[in-house]
C-alpha atoms as a PDB file:
ATOM      1  CA  UNK A   1       7.151  29.041 160.820  1.00  0.00           C
ATOM      2  CA  UNK A   2       3.579  29.675 161.943  1.00  0.00           C
ATOM      3  CA  UNK A   3       2.150  27.019 164.202  1.00  0.00           C
ATOM      4  CA  UNK A   4      -1.114  25.562 162.939  1.00  0.00           C
ATOM      5  CA  UNK A   5      -1.924  23.805 166.191  1.00  0.00           C
ATOM      6  CA  UNK A   6      -3.905  20.627 166.643  1.00  0.00           C
ATOM      7  CA  UNK A   7      -7.681  20.681 166.900  1.00  0.00           C
ATOM      8  CA  UNK A   8      -8.374  19.388 170.401  1.00  0.00           C
ATOM      9  CA  UNK A   9     -12.132  18.878 170.084  1.00  0.00           C
ATOM     10  CA  UNK A  10     -13.099  15.938 172.317  1.00  0.00           C
ATOM     11  CA  UNK A  11     -15.464  14.318 169.836  1.00  0.00           C
ATOM     12  CA  UNK A  12     -12.845  12.535 167.731  1.00  0.00           C
ATOM     13  CA  UNK A  13     -11.540   8.989 168.250  1.00  0.00           C
ATOM     14  CA  UNK A  14      -7.915   7.982 167.645  1.00  0.00           C
ATOM     15  CA  UNK A  15      -7.286   4.789 165.669  1.00  0.00           C
ATOM     16  CA  UNK A  16      -4.132   2.983 164.664  1.00  0.00           C
ATOM     17  CA  UNK A  17      -3.340   3.183 160.971  1.00  0.00           C
ATOM     18  CA  UNK A  18      -4.563  -0.223 159.793  1.00  0.00           C
ATOM     19  CA  UNK A  19      -7.741  -0.068 161.859  1.00  0.00           C
ATOM     20  CA  UNK A  20      -8.366   3.439 160.599  1.00  0.00           C
ATOM     21  CA  UNK A  21      -7.966   2.610 156.917  1.00  0.00           C
ATOM     22  CA  UNK A  22     -10.111  -0.498 157.300  1.00  0.00           C
ATOM     23  CA  UNK A  23     -12.852   1.743 158.664  1.00  0.00           C
ATOM     24  CA  UNK A  24     -12.318   4.482 156.047  1.00  0.00           C
ATOM     25  CA  UNK A  25     -12.057   2.130 153.067  1.00  0.00           C
ATOM     26  CA  UNK A  26     -15.710   2.111 152.011  1.00  0.00           C
ATOM     27  CA  UNK A  27     -15.812   5.901 151.539  1.00  0.00           C
ATOM     28  CA  UNK A  28     -12.143   6.723 150.903  1.00  0.00           C
ATOM     29  CA  UNK A  29     -12.459   7.163 147.148  1.00  0.00           C
ATOM     30  CA  UNK A  30     -15.583   9.312 147.498  1.00  0.00           C
ATOM     31  CA  UNK A  31     -14.183  11.721 150.104  1.00  0.00           C
ATOM     32  CA  UNK A  32     -12.746  14.875 148.452  1.00  0.00           C
ATOM     33  CA  UNK A  33      -9.068  15.079 149.373  1.00  0.00           C
ATOM     34  CA  UNK A  34      -7.027  18.245 148.711  1.00  0.00           C
ATOM     35  CA  UNK A  35      -3.763  16.372 149.263  1.00  0.00           C
ATOM     36  CA  UNK A  36      -4.556  13.981 146.408  1.00  0.00           C
ATOM     37  CA  UNK A  37      -5.744  16.872 144.236  1.00  0.00           C
ATOM     38  CA  UNK A  38      -2.369  18.599 144.670  1.00  0.00           C
ATOM     39  CA  UNK A  39      -0.105  15.535 144.732  1.00  0.00           C
ATOM     40  CA  UNK A  40      -1.344  13.251 141.972  1.00  0.00           C
ATOM     41  CA  UNK A  41      -0.409  15.262 138.885  1.00  0.00           C
ATOM     42  CA  UNK A  42       3.120  15.945 140.164  1.00  0.00           C
ATOM     43  CA  UNK A  43       3.621  12.321 141.164  1.00  0.00           C
ATOM     44  CA  UNK A  44       2.533  11.030 137.768  1.00  0.00           C
ATOM     45  CA  UNK A  45       4.781  13.571 136.070  1.00  0.00           C
ATOM     46  CA  UNK A  46       7.750  12.367 138.127  1.00  0.00           C
ATOM     47  CA  UNK A  47       6.872   8.714 137.436  1.00  0.00           C
ATOM     48  CA  UNK A  48       6.827   9.290 133.683  1.00  0.00           C
ATOM     49  CA  UNK A  49       6.576   6.516 131.086  1.00  0.00           C
ATOM     50  CA  UNK A  50       5.937   3.091 132.648  1.00  0.00           C
ATOM     51  CA  UNK A  51       5.225   1.021 129.536  1.00  0.00           C
ATOM     52  CA  UNK A  52       6.629  -2.484 130.094  1.00  0.00           C
ATOM     53  CA  UNK A  53       8.005  -1.694 133.556  1.00  0.00           C
ATOM     54  CA  UNK A  54       7.513  -3.842 136.628  1.00  0.00           C
ATOM     55  CA  UNK A  55       6.130  -1.503 139.310  1.00  0.00           C
ATOM     56  CA  UNK A  56       5.546  -1.942 143.038  1.00  0.00           C
ATOM     57  CA  UNK A  57       3.112   0.293 144.915  1.00  0.00           C
ATOM     58  CA  UNK A  58       4.044   0.241 148.618  1.00  0.00           C
ATOM     59  CA  UNK A  59       0.948   1.227 150.565  1.00  0.00           C
ATOM     60  CA  UNK A  60      -1.341   0.954 147.552  1.00  0.00           C
ATOM     61  CA  UNK A  61      -4.565   1.559 149.478  1.00  0.00           C
ATOM     62  CA  UNK A  62      -7.608   1.363 147.229  1.00  0.00           C
ATOM     63  CA  UNK A  63      -5.400   0.923 144.154  1.00  0.00           C
ATOM     64  CA  UNK A  64      -5.411   4.499 142.860  1.00  0.00           C
ATOM     65  CA  UNK A  65      -1.940   4.253 141.303  1.00  0.00           C
ATOM     66  CA  UNK A  66      -2.254   0.535 140.548  1.00  0.00           C
ATOM     67  CA  UNK A  67      -5.100   1.354 138.150  1.00  0.00           C
ATOM     68  CA  UNK A  68      -3.440   4.420 136.603  1.00  0.00           C
ATOM     69  CA  UNK A  69      -0.109   2.684 135.958  1.00  0.00           C
ATOM     70  CA  UNK A  70      -1.606  -0.615 134.778  1.00  0.00           C
ATOM     71  CA  UNK A  71      -3.598   1.324 132.182  1.00  0.00           C
ATOM     72  CA  UNK A  72      -0.308   2.884 131.028  1.00  0.00           C
ATOM     73  CA  UNK A  73       1.253  -0.486 130.359  1.00  0.00           C
ATOM     74  CA  UNK A  74       3.015  -1.371 133.623  1.00  0.00           C
ATOM     75  CA  UNK A  75       2.993  -4.721 135.408  1.00  0.00           C
ATOM     76  CA  UNK A  76       1.876  -3.608 138.864  1.00  0.00           C
ATOM     77  CA  UNK A  77       1.958  -5.216 142.295  1.00  0.00           C
ATOM     78  CA  UNK A  78       0.298  -3.400 145.193  1.00  0.00           C
ATOM     79  CA  UNK A  79       1.128  -4.044 148.857  1.00  0.00           C
ATOM     80  CA  UNK A  80      -0.922  -2.778 151.787  1.00  0.00           C
ATOM     81  CA  UNK A  81      -1.657  -3.996 155.346  1.00  0.00           C
ATOM     82  CA  UNK A  82      -5.336  -2.933 155.238  1.00  0.00           C
ATOM     83  CA  UNK A  83      -7.651  -5.651 153.954  1.00  0.00           C
ATOM     84  CA  UNK A  84     -10.473  -3.122 153.681  1.00  0.00           C
ATOM     85  CA  UNK A  85      -8.468  -0.938 151.298  1.00  0.00           C
ATOM     86  CA  UNK A  86      -7.283  -3.937 149.280  1.00  0.00           C
ATOM     87  CA  UNK A  87     -10.856  -5.142 148.832  1.00  0.00           C
ATOM     88  CA  UNK A  88     -11.645  -1.799 147.198  1.00  0.00           C
ATOM     89  CA  UNK A  89      -8.552  -2.169 144.996  1.00  0.00           C
ATOM     90  CA  UNK A  90      -9.593  -5.639 143.835  1.00  0.00           C
ATOM     91  CA  UNK A  91     -12.968  -4.298 142.693  1.00  0.00           C
ATOM     92  CA  UNK A  92     -11.161  -1.875 140.358  1.00  0.00           C
ATOM     93  CA  UNK A  93      -9.480  -4.611 138.323  1.00  0.00           C
ATOM     94  CA  UNK A  94     -10.639  -4.777 134.704  1.00  0.00           C
ATOM     95  CA  UNK A  95      -9.247  -6.365 131.526  1.00  0.00           C
ATOM     96  CA  UNK A  96      -7.411  -3.079 130.802  1.00  0.00           C
ATOM     97  CA  UNK A  97      -6.193  -2.488 134.360  1.00  0.00           C
ATOM     98  CA  UNK A  98      -5.005  -5.805 135.707  1.00  0.00           C
ATOM     99  CA  UNK A  99      -2.681  -5.822 138.709  1.00  0.00           C
ATOM    100  CA  UNK A 100      -1.790  -7.933 141.723  1.00  0.00           C
ATOM    101  CA  UNK A 101      -2.331  -7.011 145.367  1.00  0.00           C
ATOM    102  CA  UNK A 102      -0.870  -8.500 148.547  1.00  0.00           C
ATOM    103  CA  UNK A 103      -1.754  -7.891 152.168  1.00  0.00           C
ATOM    104  CA  UNK A 104       1.636  -7.189 153.726  1.00  0.00           C
ATOM    105  CA  UNK A 105       3.302  -4.423 155.675  1.00  0.00           C
ATOM    106  CA  UNK A 106       5.406  -2.171 153.480  1.00  0.00           C
ATOM    107  CA  UNK A 107       8.601  -2.930 155.387  1.00  0.00           C
ATOM    108  CA  UNK A 108       8.204  -6.697 154.810  1.00  0.00           C
ATOM    109  CA  UNK A 109       6.692  -7.094 151.370  1.00  0.00           C
ATOM    110  CA  UNK A 110       7.974 -10.672 151.019  1.00  0.00           C
ATOM    111  CA  UNK A 111       8.907 -10.269 147.345  1.00  0.00           C
ATOM    112  CA  UNK A 112      12.119 -11.242 145.523  1.00  0.00           C
ATOM    113  CA  UNK A 113      14.967  -8.753 145.715  1.00  0.00           C
ATOM    114  CA  UNK A 114      15.902  -6.523 142.770  1.00  0.00           C
ATOM    115  CA  UNK A 115      12.685  -7.395 140.954  1.00  0.00           C
ATOM    116  CA  UNK A 116      11.142  -3.954 140.243  1.00  0.00           C
ATOM    117  CA  UNK A 117      12.043  -1.154 137.839  1.00  0.00           C
ATOM    118  CA  UNK A 118       9.990   1.397 139.748  1.00  0.00           C
ATOM    119  CA  UNK A 119       8.595   1.614 143.275  1.00  0.00           C
ATOM    120  CA  UNK A 120       6.065   4.210 144.335  1.00  0.00           C
ATOM    121  CA  UNK A 121       4.759   5.021 147.797  1.00  0.00           C
ATOM    122  CA  UNK A 122       1.980   7.576 147.903  1.00  0.00           C
ATOM    123  CA  UNK A 123       0.644   9.201 151.092  1.00  0.00           C
ATOM    124  CA  UNK A 124       1.944   6.319 153.185  1.00  0.00           C
ATOM    125  CA  UNK A 125       5.364   6.809 154.776  1.00  0.00           C
ATOM    126  CA  UNK A 126       4.180   9.650 156.992  1.00  0.00           C
ATOM    127  CA  UNK A 127       2.172   7.082 158.942  1.00  0.00           C
ATOM    128  CA  UNK A 128       5.397   5.338 159.979  1.00  0.00           C
ATOM    129  CA  UNK A 129       7.259   6.491 163.096  1.00  0.00           C
ATOM    130  CA  UNK A 130      10.497   5.173 161.539  1.00  0.00           C
ATOM    131  CA  UNK A 131      11.385   5.453 157.831  1.00  0.00           C
ATOM    132  CA  UNK A 132      14.390   3.128 157.850  1.00  0.00           C
ATOM    133  CA  UNK A 133      12.734  -0.314 157.517  1.00  0.00           C
ATOM    134  CA  UNK A 134      10.421   0.716 154.667  1.00  0.00           C
ATOM    135  CA  UNK A 135      13.185   2.486 152.728  1.00  0.00           C
ATOM    136  CA  UNK A 136      15.503  -0.484 153.228  1.00  0.00           C
ATOM    137  CA  UNK A 137      12.826  -2.780 151.797  1.00  0.00           C
ATOM    138  CA  UNK A 138      12.375  -0.482 148.806  1.00  0.00           C
ATOM    139  CA  UNK A 139      16.133  -0.480 148.185  1.00  0.00           C
ATOM    140  CA  UNK A 140      16.197  -4.276 148.420  1.00  0.00           C
ATOM    141  CA  UNK A 141      13.379  -4.681 145.912  1.00  0.00           C
ATOM    142  CA  UNK A 142      14.632  -2.161 143.336  1.00  0.00           C
ATOM    143  CA  UNK A 143      16.794  -3.228 140.419  1.00  0.00           C
ATOM    144  CA  UNK A 144      20.077  -1.383 139.933  1.00  0.00           C
ATOM    145  CA  UNK A 145      19.185   1.872 138.202  1.00  0.00           C
ATOM    146  CA  UNK A 146      15.566   1.553 139.315  1.00  0.00           C
ATOM    147  CA  UNK A 147      13.602   4.534 140.581  1.00  0.00           C
ATOM    148  CA  UNK A 148      11.650   5.289 143.761  1.00  0.00           C
ATOM    149  CA  UNK A 149       8.933   7.973 143.825  1.00  0.00           C
ATOM    150  CA  UNK A 150       7.492   9.009 147.189  1.00  0.00           C
ATOM    151  CA  UNK A 151       4.655  11.425 147.872  1.00  0.00           C
ATOM    152  CA  UNK A 152       3.250  12.446 151.224  1.00  0.00           C
ATOM    153  CA  UNK A 153       1.832  15.216 153.349  1.00  0.00           C
ATOM    154  CA  UNK A 154       4.481  17.908 153.699  1.00  0.00           C
ATOM    155  CA  UNK A 155       6.325  17.639 157.055  1.00  0.00           C
ATOM    156  CA  UNK A 156       5.341  21.237 157.781  1.00  0.00           C
ATOM    157  CA  UNK A 157       1.924  20.003 158.931  1.00  0.00           C
ATOM    158  CA  UNK A 158       2.860  17.465 161.624  1.00  0.00           C
ATOM    159  CA  UNK A 159       5.713  19.717 162.797  1.00  0.00           C
ATOM    160  CA  UNK A 160       3.176  22.533 163.191  1.00  0.00           C
ATOM    161  CA  UNK A 161       0.735  20.452 165.222  1.00  0.00           C
ATOM    162  CA  UNK A 162      -1.542  18.897 162.592  1.00  0.00           C
ATOM    163  CA  UNK A 163      -0.029  15.472 163.233  1.00  0.00           C
ATOM    164  CA  UNK A 164      -2.918  13.316 162.067  1.00  0.00           C
ATOM    165  CA  UNK A 165      -5.024  12.293 159.101  1.00  0.00           C
ATOM    166  CA  UNK A 166      -8.722  12.682 159.790  1.00  0.00           C
ATOM    167  CA  UNK A 167     -11.863  11.210 158.256  1.00  0.00           C
ATOM    168  CA  UNK A 168     -15.529  11.007 159.140  1.00  0.00           C
ATOM    169  CA  UNK A 169     -17.733   7.919 159.354  1.00  0.00           C
ATOM    170  CA  UNK A 170     -21.201   7.621 160.816  1.00  0.00           C
ATOM    171  CA  UNK A 171     -21.122  11.269 161.829  1.00  0.00           C
ATOM    172  CA  UNK A 172     -17.986  10.762 163.940  1.00  0.00           C
ATOM    173  CA  UNK A 173     -14.455  12.039 163.380  1.00  0.00           C
ATOM    174  CA  UNK A 174     -11.542   9.592 163.438  1.00  0.00           C
ATOM    175  CA  UNK A 175      -7.812  10.369 163.393  1.00  0.00           C
ATOM    176  CA  UNK A 176      -4.697   8.372 162.545  1.00  0.00           C
ATOM    177  CA  UNK A 177      -1.182   9.535 163.442  1.00  0.00           C
ATOM    178  CA  UNK A 178       1.172  11.294 161.043  1.00  0.00           C
ATOM    179  CA  UNK A 179       4.894  11.622 161.864  1.00  0.00           C
ATOM    180  CA  UNK A 180       7.188  14.381 160.557  1.00  0.00           C
ATOM    181  CA  UNK A 181       9.987  13.149 158.291  1.00  0.00           C
ATOM    182  CA  UNK A 182      12.141  16.014 157.095  1.00  0.00           C
ATOM    183  CA  UNK A 183      14.043  15.962 153.809  1.00  0.00           C
ATOM    184  CA  UNK A 184      17.304  15.679 155.749  1.00  0.00           C
ATOM    185  CA  UNK A 185      16.079  12.411 157.300  1.00  0.00           C
ATOM    186  CA  UNK A 186      15.190  11.019 153.876  1.00  0.00           C
ATOM    187  CA  UNK A 187      18.518  12.169 152.448  1.00  0.00           C
ATOM    188  CA  UNK A 188      20.655  10.571 155.167  1.00  0.00           C
ATOM    189  CA  UNK A 189      18.774   7.262 155.154  1.00  0.00           C
ATOM    190  CA  UNK A 190      18.585   6.990 151.379  1.00  0.00           C
ATOM    191  CA  UNK A 191      22.252   7.807 150.921  1.00  0.00           C
ATOM    192  CA  UNK A 192      23.167   4.878 153.186  1.00  0.00           C
ATOM    193  CA  UNK A 193      20.917   2.613 151.117  1.00  0.00           C
ATOM    194  CA  UNK A 194      22.339   3.648 147.734  1.00  0.00           C
ATOM    195  CA  UNK A 195      19.288   5.716 146.801  1.00  0.00           C
ATOM    196  CA  UNK A 196      20.077   9.142 145.358  1.00  0.00           C
ATOM    197  CA  UNK A 197      17.811  12.152 144.907  1.00  0.00           C
ATOM    198  CA  UNK A 198      16.921  13.234 141.388  1.00  0.00           C
ATOM    199  CA  UNK A 199      14.004  15.568 142.094  1.00  0.00           C
ATOM    200  CA  UNK A 200      12.071  17.206 144.928  1.00  0.00           C
ATOM    201  CA  UNK A 201       8.730  19.012 144.641  1.00  0.00           C
ATOM    202  CA  UNK A 202       6.948  20.903 147.440  1.00  0.00           C
ATOM    203  CA  UNK A 203       3.635  22.117 145.966  1.00  0.00           C
ATOM    204  CA  UNK A 204       1.958  24.928 147.889  1.00  0.00           C
ATOM    205  CA  UNK A 205      -1.691  25.640 148.522  1.00  0.00           C
ATOM    206  CA  UNK A 206      -2.738  28.070 145.803  1.00  0.00           C
ATOM    207  CA  UNK A 207      -5.879  29.832 144.608  1.00  0.00           C
ATOM    208  CA  UNK A 208      -6.826  26.969 142.308  1.00  0.00           C
ATOM    209  CA  UNK A 209      -6.761  24.445 145.164  1.00  0.00           C
ATOM    210  CA  UNK A 210      -8.613  26.853 147.454  1.00  0.00           C
ATOM    211  CA  UNK A 211     -11.373  27.174 144.842  1.00  0.00           C
ATOM    212  CA  UNK A 212     -12.057  23.468 145.279  1.00  0.00           C
ATOM    213  CA  UNK A 213     -11.369  23.384 149.024  1.00  0.00           C
ATOM    214  CA  UNK A 214     -12.361  26.761 150.543  1.00  0.00           C
ATOM    215  CA  UNK A 215     -11.428  25.634 154.073  1.00  0.00           C
ATOM    216  CA  UNK A 216      -7.759  26.029 153.022  1.00  0.00           C
ATOM    217  CA  UNK A 217      -8.072  29.773 152.342  1.00  0.00           C
ATOM    218  CA  UNK A 218      -6.128  30.731 155.476  1.00  0.00           C
ATOM    219  CA  UNK A 219      -3.187  28.517 154.421  1.00  0.00           C
ATOM    220  CA  UNK A 220      -2.469  29.895 150.945  1.00  0.00           C
ATOM    221  CA  UNK A 221       1.240  29.670 150.176  1.00  0.00           C
ATOM    222  CA  UNK A 222       1.936  26.868 152.664  1.00  0.00           C
ATOM    223  CA  UNK A 223       3.319  23.616 151.190  1.00  0.00           C
ATOM    224  CA  UNK A 224       0.766  20.810 151.510  1.00  0.00           C
ATOM    225  CA  UNK A 225       2.564  17.909 149.802  1.00  0.00           C
ATOM    226  CA  UNK A 226       6.091  16.697 149.139  1.00  0.00           C
ATOM    227  CA  UNK A 227       7.105  14.500 146.196  1.00  0.00           C
ATOM    228  CA  UNK A 228      10.557  12.896 146.062  1.00  0.00           C
ATOM    229  CA  UNK A 229      12.255  11.197 143.126  1.00  0.00           C
ATOM    230  CA  UNK A 230      15.192   8.840 143.795  1.00  0.00           C
ATOM    231  CA  UNK A 231      17.276   6.344 141.863  1.00  0.00           C
ATOM    232  CA  UNK A 232      19.211   3.261 142.969  1.00  0.00           C
ATOM    233  CA  UNK A 233      22.772   3.220 141.734  1.00  0.00           C
END
């Protein structure tokens, strides 16, 4: 496995995750993001039909999936610890995309157990040094037979040295930590919690993505995202 290596330029500032997303919130939806461009279509395909389902978005951010799934007929609750991101999500509510948001950490959502048909967590769990508490909360909140769909940066990147998410604000670069969680770690934890894999996708950087994000040209063929589909038995 080629090592990407971290960019050690001294100009950046490290932030914790909540502080970072609070600062990024005002421009998050406007910043082009190759990870979202690659991940979103696969995640929605794995989610499938949500008409009439009760859905929880753990780490909902600015409400990207809250809006998409509410418009498709789901009853959606979004949970996120960043008030800045939630404020952006609230501004997206319309009569055809109504949803609820709560400011909570994703490992302590404070919601009734076995109350959701589907839980999604998009581009979130990689920010956690430990997966166990968040996955245990998801298992607690899912109904029997309910599904969990997770998307994130592929673990290849933090393992190879790119162990951060970066953004720019006011001409300055900021970084938040990303932790590598391999599929084996997910598998072992989820098995203990009664969550079983149904699907795994590892989309690679291809020519179509490079056309939109030329800075990725040296990484063609490397997996950028991972999308996991699980079910509670």
